[in-house]
């Protein structure tokens, strides 16, 4: 059998093994991974232990105590001291090791259209074209699992209670996640990568709406014809009033009873909380 054990030695900087964290899961948990937790686990427990060096070459894990949030904060602070501090731009909302959230104001910018099946009657988007169109203000939420793209109801910095709208970008799923396809992914999750995330959204070819995306706007014509109209008349403002509110699947207005089928609107605060659990 190969030896997969790890041997710790005192380093030149004077570091020694001082503590061990033990993780417990139910034996019946499915999809057990060597170093990651399964989202289907019924429960988990962690304990932190002192490591005793009674014998120089054989450190021993002593009795431990339940791992607390205070322990995690202390060790996170110590481990994070090697991360260089970054200056936050004015449009940042959340800057965390596992999440970035920021907003951008409305703007006319080049849009890349190469529709695979353009409907009849288009004036501009019937062919492959890069054309300036107005975009509404947007909220972006980047984590290590993906990028969320959402429209904002007004051209101002959002707050926790700001209600979100569906983004009209054709490369975005109904739930708000960017459809990466062959778009290059940023190599890191940091302030310096924000331009890469924005280029992924605004400088990639749009070939077709994603499933259900035509139903994220109001009015006649659908999403593609809306973009075609904006491009054809050189519009300077996106008609935000045509965007429907973002909603979580299966979530309803509880105060209005079970007969109400209107989905509950999603706020910036609720969205950030949802992404933090991914």
C-alpha atoms as a PDB file:
ATOM      1  CA  UNK A   1       0.000   0.000   0.000  1.00  0.00           C
ATOM      2  CA  UNK A   2       1.388   3.479  -0.826  1.00  0.00           C
ATOM      3  CA  UNK A   3       2.100   5.783   2.076  1.00  0.00           C
ATOM      4  CA  UNK A   4      -0.191   8.837   1.824  1.00  0.00           C
ATOM      5  CA  UNK A   5       0.765  10.270   5.205  1.00  0.00           C
ATOM      6  CA  UNK A   6       2.120  13.806   5.509  1.00  0.00           C
ATOM      7  CA  UNK A   7       5.192  14.568   7.604  1.00  0.00           C
ATOM      8  CA  UNK A   8       5.509  18.015   9.204  1.00  0.00           C
ATOM      9  CA  UNK A   9       8.847  19.424  10.216  1.00  0.00           C
ATOM     10  CA  UNK A  10       9.934  22.656  11.856  1.00  0.00           C
ATOM     11  CA  UNK A  11      10.559  25.220   9.108  1.00  0.00           C
ATOM     12  CA  UNK A  12      13.357  27.765   8.843  1.00  0.00           C
ATOM     13  CA  UNK A  13      10.831  30.435   9.866  1.00  0.00           C
ATOM     14  CA  UNK A  14      10.243  28.650  13.161  1.00  0.00           C
ATOM     15  CA  UNK A  15       6.823  27.175  12.332  1.00  0.00           C
ATOM     16  CA  UNK A  16       5.771  23.967  14.079  1.00  0.00           C
ATOM     17  CA  UNK A  17       2.627  21.899  14.030  1.00  0.00           C
ATOM     18  CA  UNK A  18       0.437  23.240  16.861  1.00  0.00           C
ATOM     19  CA  UNK A  19      -3.177  22.288  16.111  1.00  0.00           C
ATOM     20  CA  UNK A  20      -5.286  19.834  14.138  1.00  0.00           C
ATOM     21  CA  UNK A  21      -8.880  20.137  12.973  1.00  0.00           C
ATOM     22  CA  UNK A  22     -10.883  16.924  12.651  1.00  0.00           C
ATOM     23  CA  UNK A  23     -14.001  16.798  10.464  1.00  0.00           C
ATOM     24  CA  UNK A  24     -16.820  14.293  11.011  1.00  0.00           C
ATOM     25  CA  UNK A  25     -19.681  13.276   8.728  1.00  0.00           C
ATOM     26  CA  UNK A  26     -22.370  10.605   8.895  1.00  0.00           C
ATOM     27  CA  UNK A  27     -21.233   7.252   7.573  1.00  0.00           C
ATOM     28  CA  UNK A  28     -24.211   7.135   5.236  1.00  0.00           C
ATOM     29  CA  UNK A  29     -23.330  10.425   3.512  1.00  0.00           C
ATOM     30  CA  UNK A  30     -23.252  10.152  -0.235  1.00  0.00           C
ATOM     31  CA  UNK A  31     -20.618  11.525  -2.599  1.00  0.00           C
ATOM     32  CA  UNK A  32     -17.889  11.597   0.029  1.00  0.00           C
ATOM     33  CA  UNK A  33     -14.830  13.387  -1.326  1.00  0.00           C
ATOM     34  CA  UNK A  34     -11.337  13.221   0.063  1.00  0.00           C
ATOM     35  CA  UNK A  35     -11.075  16.919   0.973  1.00  0.00           C
ATOM     36  CA  UNK A  36     -14.440  18.514   0.213  1.00  0.00           C
ATOM     37  CA  UNK A  37     -17.848  18.464   1.867  1.00  0.00           C
ATOM     38  CA  UNK A  38     -20.813  17.017   0.006  1.00  0.00           C
ATOM     39  CA  UNK A  39     -23.872  19.224  -0.321  1.00  0.00           C
ATOM     40  CA  UNK A  40     -26.039  16.161   0.346  1.00  0.00           C
ATOM     41  CA  UNK A  41     -24.624  15.449   3.793  1.00  0.00           C
ATOM     42  CA  UNK A  42     -27.198  15.159   6.557  1.00  0.00           C
ATOM     43  CA  UNK A  43     -24.867  16.711   9.115  1.00  0.00           C
ATOM     44  CA  UNK A  44     -21.285  17.426  10.050  1.00  0.00           C
ATOM     45  CA  UNK A  45     -19.159  18.212  13.112  1.00  0.00           C
ATOM     46  CA  UNK A  46     -15.674  19.616  13.606  1.00  0.00           C
ATOM     47  CA  UNK A  47     -13.281  19.670  16.548  1.00  0.00           C
ATOM     48  CA  UNK A  48      -9.967  21.435  17.098  1.00  0.00           C
ATOM     49  CA  UNK A  49      -7.102  19.746  18.941  1.00  0.00           C
ATOM     50  CA  UNK A  50      -3.774  20.738  20.391  1.00  0.00           C
ATOM     51  CA  UNK A  51      -0.780  18.839  19.028  1.00  0.00           C
ATOM     52  CA  UNK A  52       1.624  17.639  21.697  1.00  0.00           C
ATOM     53  CA  UNK A  53       5.307  17.144  20.949  1.00  0.00           C
ATOM     54  CA  UNK A  54       6.192  14.660  23.661  1.00  0.00           C
ATOM     55  CA  UNK A  55       8.431  12.830  21.220  1.00  0.00           C
ATOM     56  CA  UNK A  56      10.370  14.969  18.794  1.00  0.00           C
ATOM     57  CA  UNK A  57       9.603  12.923  15.702  1.00  0.00           C
ATOM     58  CA  UNK A  58       6.099  11.812  16.656  1.00  0.00           C
ATOM     59  CA  UNK A  59       3.666  14.664  17.392  1.00  0.00           C
ATOM     60  CA  UNK A  60       0.415  13.468  18.978  1.00  0.00           C
ATOM     61  CA  UNK A  61      -3.093  14.888  18.527  1.00  0.00           C
ATOM     62  CA  UNK A  62      -4.442  15.540  22.022  1.00  0.00           C
ATOM     63  CA  UNK A  63      -8.058  15.745  23.186  1.00  0.00           C
ATOM     64  CA  UNK A  64      -9.986  18.512  21.493  1.00  0.00           C
ATOM     65  CA  UNK A  65     -12.953  20.832  21.801  1.00  0.00           C
ATOM     66  CA  UNK A  66     -15.772  21.666  19.364  1.00  0.00           C
ATOM     67  CA  UNK A  67     -14.625  24.018  16.617  1.00  0.00           C
ATOM     68  CA  UNK A  68     -16.278  27.442  16.994  1.00  0.00           C
ATOM     69  CA  UNK A  69     -16.669  30.461  14.747  1.00  0.00           C
ATOM     70  CA  UNK A  70     -14.153  32.249  16.975  1.00  0.00           C
ATOM     71  CA  UNK A  71     -11.550  29.571  16.168  1.00  0.00           C
ATOM     72  CA  UNK A  72     -12.290  29.955  12.454  1.00  0.00           C
ATOM     73  CA  UNK A  73     -11.982  33.742  12.592  1.00  0.00           C
ATOM     74  CA  UNK A  74      -8.647  33.542  14.404  1.00  0.00           C
ATOM     75  CA  UNK A  75      -7.145  31.084  11.940  1.00  0.00           C
ATOM     76  CA  UNK A  76      -8.642  32.850   8.924  1.00  0.00           C
ATOM     77  CA  UNK A  77      -7.014  36.089  10.029  1.00  0.00           C
ATOM     78  CA  UNK A  78      -3.651  34.369  10.471  1.00  0.00           C
ATOM     79  CA  UNK A  79      -3.832  32.552   7.138  1.00  0.00           C
ATOM     80  CA  UNK A  80      -5.021  35.691   5.343  1.00  0.00           C
ATOM     81  CA  UNK A  81      -2.088  37.860   6.343  1.00  0.00           C
ATOM     82  CA  UNK A  82      -0.226  36.737   3.238  1.00  0.00           C
ATOM     83  CA  UNK A  83      -2.944  38.254   1.017  1.00  0.00           C
ATOM     84  CA  UNK A  84      -1.981  41.701  -0.237  1.00  0.00           C
ATOM     85  CA  UNK A  85      -4.493  44.461   0.616  1.00  0.00           C
ATOM     86  CA  UNK A  86      -6.376  45.991  -2.300  1.00  0.00           C
ATOM     87  CA  UNK A  87      -7.924  49.420  -2.760  1.00  0.00           C
ATOM     88  CA  UNK A  88     -11.663  49.097  -3.380  1.00  0.00           C
ATOM     89  CA  UNK A  89     -13.210  51.074  -6.249  1.00  0.00           C
ATOM     90  CA  UNK A  90     -16.338  53.133  -5.554  1.00  0.00           C
ATOM     91  CA  UNK A  91     -18.649  50.642  -7.283  1.00  0.00           C
ATOM     92  CA  UNK A  92     -17.724  47.678  -5.047  1.00  0.00           C
ATOM     93  CA  UNK A  93     -20.464  46.246  -2.825  1.00  0.00           C
ATOM     94  CA  UNK A  94     -18.794  43.077  -1.473  1.00  0.00           C
ATOM     95  CA  UNK A  95     -15.087  42.205  -1.464  1.00  0.00           C
ATOM     96  CA  UNK A  96     -14.498  38.802   0.123  1.00  0.00           C
ATOM     97  CA  UNK A  97     -12.022  36.004  -0.471  1.00  0.00           C
ATOM     98  CA  UNK A  98     -14.848  33.900  -1.942  1.00  0.00           C
ATOM     99  CA  UNK A  99     -17.094  36.577  -3.454  1.00  0.00           C
ATOM    100  CA  UNK A 100     -17.021  39.870  -5.309  1.00  0.00           C
ATOM    101  CA  UNK A 101     -20.116  41.991  -5.899  1.00  0.00           C
ATOM    102  CA  UNK A 102     -20.147  45.303  -7.751  1.00  0.00           C
ATOM    103  CA  UNK A 103     -22.422  47.452  -9.870  1.00  0.00           C
ATOM    104  CA  UNK A 104     -21.932  49.449 -13.060  1.00  0.00           C
ATOM    105  CA  UNK A 105     -24.041  52.391 -14.284  1.00  0.00           C
ATOM    106  CA  UNK A 106     -26.105  52.360 -17.473  1.00  0.00           C
ATOM    107  CA  UNK A 107     -24.064  52.907 -20.595  1.00  0.00           C
ATOM    108  CA  UNK A 108     -24.118  52.749 -24.381  1.00  0.00           C
ATOM    109  CA  UNK A 109     -21.529  50.173 -25.373  1.00  0.00           C
ATOM    110  CA  UNK A 110     -20.758  47.917 -28.372  1.00  0.00           C
ATOM    111  CA  UNK A 111     -22.795  44.691 -28.414  1.00  0.00           C
ATOM    112  CA  UNK A 112     -21.747  41.597 -30.333  1.00  0.00           C
ATOM    113  CA  UNK A 113     -24.579  39.812 -32.172  1.00  0.00           C
ATOM    114  CA  UNK A 114     -24.271  36.704 -34.334  1.00  0.00           C
ATOM    115  CA  UNK A 115     -27.773  35.241 -34.183  1.00  0.00           C
ATOM    116  CA  UNK A 116     -27.930  31.589 -35.231  1.00  0.00           C
ATOM    117  CA  UNK A 117     -31.624  31.806 -36.263  1.00  0.00           C
ATOM    118  CA  UNK A 118     -32.596  35.461 -36.672  1.00  0.00           C
ATOM    119  CA  UNK A 119     -36.366  36.009 -36.954  1.00  0.00           C
ATOM    120  CA  UNK A 120     -37.780  37.661 -40.056  1.00  0.00           C
ATOM    121  CA  UNK A 121     -38.035  41.418 -40.244  1.00  0.00           C
ATOM    122  CA  UNK A 122     -34.913  42.400 -38.292  1.00  0.00           C
ATOM    123  CA  UNK A 123     -33.354  45.681 -39.435  1.00  0.00           C
ATOM    124  CA  UNK A 124     -29.842  45.329 -37.926  1.00  0.00           C
ATOM    125  CA  UNK A 125     -29.371  41.994 -36.209  1.00  0.00           C
ATOM    126  CA  UNK A 126     -30.164  39.839 -39.248  1.00  0.00           C
ATOM    127  CA  UNK A 127     -26.400  39.576 -39.818  1.00  0.00           C
ATOM    128  CA  UNK A 128     -23.260  39.257 -37.735  1.00  0.00           C
ATOM    129  CA  UNK A 129     -22.673  42.733 -36.370  1.00  0.00           C
ATOM    130  CA  UNK A 130     -21.076  44.769 -33.592  1.00  0.00           C
ATOM    131  CA  UNK A 131     -23.355  47.707 -32.877  1.00  0.00           C
ATOM    132  CA  UNK A 132     -23.663  50.254 -30.038  1.00  0.00           C
ATOM    133  CA  UNK A 133     -26.725  49.731 -27.836  1.00  0.00           C
ATOM    134  CA  UNK A 134     -27.767  51.037 -24.405  1.00  0.00           C
ATOM    135  CA  UNK A 135     -27.474  48.738 -21.390  1.00  0.00           C
ATOM    136  CA  UNK A 136     -29.230  49.302 -18.058  1.00  0.00           C
ATOM    137  CA  UNK A 137     -27.281  49.521 -14.821  1.00  0.00           C
ATOM    138  CA  UNK A 138     -26.119  46.079 -13.734  1.00  0.00           C
ATOM    139  CA  UNK A 139     -25.131  44.129 -10.641  1.00  0.00           C
ATOM    140  CA  UNK A 140     -22.428  41.450 -10.873  1.00  0.00           C
ATOM    141  CA  UNK A 141     -21.771  38.715  -8.308  1.00  0.00           C
ATOM    142  CA  UNK A 142     -18.637  36.634  -8.909  1.00  0.00           C
ATOM    143  CA  UNK A 143     -17.726  33.530  -6.898  1.00  0.00           C
ATOM    144  CA  UNK A 144     -15.514  30.543  -7.570  1.00  0.00           C
ATOM    145  CA  UNK A 145     -18.551  28.706  -8.948  1.00  0.00           C
ATOM    146  CA  UNK A 146     -19.712  31.280 -11.471  1.00  0.00           C
ATOM    147  CA  UNK A 147     -20.862  34.793 -12.309  1.00  0.00           C
ATOM    148  CA  UNK A 148     -24.306  36.275 -11.695  1.00  0.00           C
ATOM    149  CA  UNK A 149     -25.518  39.099 -13.958  1.00  0.00           C
ATOM    150  CA  UNK A 150     -28.581  41.176 -13.010  1.00  0.00           C
ATOM    151  CA  UNK A 151     -30.170  44.446 -14.118  1.00  0.00           C
ATOM    152  CA  UNK A 152     -30.886  47.260 -11.662  1.00  0.00           C
ATOM    153  CA  UNK A 153     -34.099  49.313 -11.626  1.00  0.00           C
ATOM    154  CA  UNK A 154     -32.327  52.670 -11.400  1.00  0.00           C
ATOM    155  CA  UNK A 155     -28.983  54.141 -12.350  1.00  0.00           C
ATOM    156  CA  UNK A 156     -27.621  54.421  -8.827  1.00  0.00           C
ATOM    157  CA  UNK A 157     -25.657  52.413  -6.283  1.00  0.00           C
ATOM    158  CA  UNK A 158     -27.981  49.656  -4.990  1.00  0.00           C
ATOM    159  CA  UNK A 159     -28.676  48.969  -1.326  1.00  0.00           C
ATOM    160  CA  UNK A 160     -29.671  45.777   0.481  1.00  0.00           C
ATOM    161  CA  UNK A 161     -33.382  46.317  -0.234  1.00  0.00           C
ATOM    162  CA  UNK A 162     -32.971  47.134  -3.941  1.00  0.00           C
ATOM    163  CA  UNK A 163     -35.109  44.795  -6.030  1.00  0.00           C
ATOM    164  CA  UNK A 164     -33.375  43.199  -8.988  1.00  0.00           C
ATOM    165  CA  UNK A 165     -34.479  42.714 -12.594  1.00  0.00           C
ATOM    166  CA  UNK A 166     -33.608  40.133 -15.227  1.00  0.00           C
ATOM    167  CA  UNK A 167     -30.614  41.102 -17.328  1.00  0.00           C
ATOM    168  CA  UNK A 168     -31.439  41.488 -21.045  1.00  0.00           C
ATOM    169  CA  UNK A 169     -28.016  40.114 -22.032  1.00  0.00           C
ATOM    170  CA  UNK A 170     -28.529  37.070 -24.294  1.00  0.00           C
ATOM    171  CA  UNK A 171     -25.687  35.098 -22.692  1.00  0.00           C
ATOM    172  CA  UNK A 172     -27.379  34.999 -19.284  1.00  0.00           C
ATOM    173  CA  UNK A 173     -29.603  32.189 -18.024  1.00  0.00           C
ATOM    174  CA  UNK A 174     -33.041  33.009 -16.592  1.00  0.00           C
ATOM    175  CA  UNK A 175     -31.656  32.589 -13.059  1.00  0.00           C
ATOM    176  CA  UNK A 176     -28.953  35.174 -13.751  1.00  0.00           C
ATOM    177  CA  UNK A 177     -25.882  32.967 -14.195  1.00  0.00           C
ATOM    178  CA  UNK A 178     -23.630  33.754 -17.144  1.00  0.00           C
ATOM    179  CA  UNK A 179     -23.545  31.045 -19.814  1.00  0.00           C
ATOM    180  CA  UNK A 180     -19.779  30.754 -20.244  1.00  0.00           C
ATOM    181  CA  UNK A 181     -19.716  28.558 -23.340  1.00  0.00           C
ATOM    182  CA  UNK A 182     -16.256  29.159 -24.847  1.00  0.00           C
ATOM    183  CA  UNK A 183     -15.804  32.519 -23.098  1.00  0.00           C
ATOM    184  CA  UNK A 184     -12.398  32.635 -21.320  1.00  0.00           C
ATOM    185  CA  UNK A 185     -12.789  32.552 -17.538  1.00  0.00           C
ATOM    186  CA  UNK A 186     -10.804  34.939 -15.310  1.00  0.00           C
ATOM    187  CA  UNK A 187      -7.910  33.180 -13.631  1.00  0.00           C
ATOM    188  CA  UNK A 188      -8.494  34.626 -10.180  1.00  0.00           C
ATOM    189  CA  UNK A 189     -11.222  36.052  -7.972  1.00  0.00           C
ATOM    190  CA  UNK A 190      -9.912  39.508  -7.131  1.00  0.00           C
ATOM    191  CA  UNK A 191     -10.410  43.192  -7.766  1.00  0.00           C
ATOM    192  CA  UNK A 192      -7.959  43.070 -10.659  1.00  0.00           C
ATOM    193  CA  UNK A 193     -10.150  40.474 -12.421  1.00  0.00           C
ATOM    194  CA  UNK A 194     -13.266  42.677 -12.556  1.00  0.00           C
ATOM    195  CA  UNK A 195     -12.493  43.969 -16.109  1.00  0.00           C
ATOM    196  CA  UNK A 196     -12.155  40.331 -17.252  1.00  0.00           C
ATOM    197  CA  UNK A 197     -15.586  39.480 -15.840  1.00  0.00           C
ATOM    198  CA  UNK A 198     -17.141  42.510 -17.527  1.00  0.00           C
ATOM    199  CA  UNK A 199     -15.505  41.658 -20.858  1.00  0.00           C
ATOM    200  CA  UNK A 200     -16.936  38.141 -20.562  1.00  0.00           C
ATOM    201  CA  UNK A 201     -20.417  39.669 -20.383  1.00  0.00           C
ATOM    202  CA  UNK A 202     -20.207  42.555 -22.836  1.00  0.00           C
ATOM    203  CA  UNK A 203     -17.526  41.469 -25.331  1.00  0.00           C
ATOM    204  CA  UNK A 204     -18.746  37.991 -26.271  1.00  0.00           C
ATOM    205  CA  UNK A 205     -20.954  36.989 -29.190  1.00  0.00           C
ATOM    206  CA  UNK A 206     -24.687  36.605 -28.524  1.00  0.00           C
ATOM    207  CA  UNK A 207     -26.114  33.830 -30.708  1.00  0.00           C
ATOM    208  CA  UNK A 208     -29.564  33.174 -29.173  1.00  0.00           C
ATOM    209  CA  UNK A 209     -31.641  33.740 -26.045  1.00  0.00           C
ATOM    210  CA  UNK A 210     -31.376  31.074 -23.357  1.00  0.00           C
ATOM    211  CA  UNK A 211     -34.406  28.947 -22.480  1.00  0.00           C
ATOM    212  CA  UNK A 212     -37.177  31.097 -21.029  1.00  0.00           C
ATOM    213  CA  UNK A 213     -35.300  34.346 -21.541  1.00  0.00           C
ATOM    214  CA  UNK A 214     -37.847  35.688 -24.034  1.00  0.00           C
ATOM    215  CA  UNK A 215     -40.312  35.771 -21.120  1.00  0.00           C
ATOM    216  CA  UNK A 216     -38.157  38.043 -18.957  1.00  0.00           C
ATOM    217  CA  UNK A 217     -39.439  41.210 -20.630  1.00  0.00           C
ATOM    218  CA  UNK A 218     -42.867  42.748 -21.141  1.00  0.00           C
ATOM    219  CA  UNK A 219     -44.399  44.151 -24.306  1.00  0.00           C
ATOM    220  CA  UNK A 220     -44.548  42.893 -27.878  1.00  0.00           C
ATOM    221  CA  UNK A 221     -41.772  41.477 -29.996  1.00  0.00           C
ATOM    222  CA  UNK A 222     -39.589  39.630 -27.538  1.00  0.00           C
ATOM    223  CA  UNK A 223     -36.006  40.230 -26.466  1.00  0.00           C
ATOM    224  CA  UNK A 224     -34.280  39.941 -29.855  1.00  0.00           C
ATOM    225  CA  UNK A 225     -36.646  42.404 -31.510  1.00  0.00           C
ATOM    226  CA  UNK A 226     -36.143  44.788 -28.599  1.00  0.00           C
ATOM    227  CA  UNK A 227     -32.368  44.727 -29.138  1.00  0.00           C
ATOM    228  CA  UNK A 228     -32.879  45.147 -32.894  1.00  0.00           C
ATOM    229  CA  UNK A 229     -35.089  48.177 -32.361  1.00  0.00           C
ATOM    230  CA  UNK A 230     -32.598  49.790 -29.959  1.00  0.00           C
ATOM    231  CA  UNK A 231     -29.764  49.223 -32.441  1.00  0.00           C
ATOM    232  CA  UNK A 232     -31.726  50.435 -35.466  1.00  0.00           C
ATOM    233  CA  UNK A 233     -32.776  53.775 -33.973  1.00  0.00           C
ATOM    234  CA  UNK A 234     -29.502  54.441 -32.142  1.00  0.00           C
ATOM    235  CA  UNK A 235     -31.202  54.553 -28.746  1.00  0.00           C
ATOM    236  CA  UNK A 236     -29.296  56.089 -25.843  1.00  0.00           C
ATOM    237  CA  UNK A 237     -31.346  54.645 -22.963  1.00  0.00           C
ATOM    238  CA  UNK A 238     -32.533  51.115 -22.302  1.00  0.00           C
ATOM    239  CA  UNK A 239     -36.276  50.862 -21.470  1.00  0.00           C
ATOM    240  CA  UNK A 240     -35.845  49.435 -17.970  1.00  0.00           C
ATOM    241  CA  UNK A 241     -39.608  49.391 -17.463  1.00  0.00           C
ATOM    242  CA  UNK A 242     -39.806  46.441 -19.867  1.00  0.00           C
ATOM    243  CA  UNK A 243     -37.617  44.197 -17.687  1.00  0.00           C
ATOM    244  CA  UNK A 244     -39.435  41.807 -15.354  1.00  0.00           C
ATOM    245  CA  UNK A 245     -38.423  41.457 -11.681  1.00  0.00           C
ATOM    246  CA  UNK A 246     -35.990  38.665 -10.875  1.00  0.00           C
ATOM    247  CA  UNK A 247     -37.477  35.846  -8.788  1.00  0.00           C
ATOM    248  CA  UNK A 248     -36.281  32.623  -7.196  1.00  0.00           C
ATOM    249  CA  UNK A 249     -38.035  29.481  -8.513  1.00  0.00           C
ATOM    250  CA  UNK A 250     -40.814  28.306  -6.202  1.00  0.00           C
ATOM    251  CA  UNK A 251     -40.721  31.377  -3.966  1.00  0.00           C
ATOM    252  CA  UNK A 252     -44.052  33.213  -3.575  1.00  0.00           C
ATOM    253  CA  UNK A 253     -45.532  36.123  -1.665  1.00  0.00           C
ATOM    254  CA  UNK A 254     -46.426  34.468   1.649  1.00  0.00           C
ATOM    255  CA  UNK A 255     -48.550  37.372   2.885  1.00  0.00           C
ATOM    256  CA  UNK A 256     -51.048  37.081   0.042  1.00  0.00           C
ATOM    257  CA  UNK A 257     -51.943  33.430   0.515  1.00  0.00           C
ATOM    258  CA  UNK A 258     -51.379  30.254  -1.511  1.00  0.00           C
ATOM    259  CA  UNK A 259     -53.558  31.391  -4.436  1.00  0.00           C
ATOM    260  CA  UNK A 260     -51.173  34.136  -5.384  1.00  0.00           C
ATOM    261  CA  UNK A 261     -48.911  32.898  -8.192  1.00  0.00           C
ATOM    262  CA  UNK A 262     -46.774  36.016  -8.415  1.00  0.00           C
ATOM    263  CA  UNK A 263     -43.149  35.172  -7.537  1.00  0.00           C
ATOM    264  CA  UNK A 264     -41.555  37.099  -4.700  1.00  0.00           C
ATOM    265  CA  UNK A 265     -39.070  39.756  -5.899  1.00  0.00           C
ATOM    266  CA  UNK A 266     -35.390  39.252  -5.190  1.00  0.00           C
ATOM    267  CA  UNK A 267     -33.406  41.934  -3.380  1.00  0.00           C
ATOM    268  CA  UNK A 268     -29.668  42.552  -3.488  1.00  0.00           C
ATOM    269  CA  UNK A 269     -29.332  41.324   0.100  1.00  0.00           C
ATOM    270  CA  UNK A 270     -31.238  38.085  -0.572  1.00  0.00           C
ATOM    271  CA  UNK A 271     -29.204  37.438  -3.700  1.00  0.00           C
ATOM    272  CA  UNK A 272     -25.856  37.934  -1.947  1.00  0.00           C
ATOM    273  CA  UNK A 273     -26.975  35.527   0.801  1.00  0.00           C
ATOM    274  CA  UNK A 274     -28.000  32.953  -1.801  1.00  0.00           C
ATOM    275  CA  UNK A 275     -24.669  33.133  -3.664  1.00  0.00           C
ATOM    276  CA  UNK A 276     -22.721  32.873  -0.389  1.00  0.00           C
ATOM    277  CA  UNK A 277     -24.214  29.413   0.176  1.00  0.00           C
ATOM    278  CA  UNK A 278     -22.967  28.019  -3.121  1.00  0.00           C
END
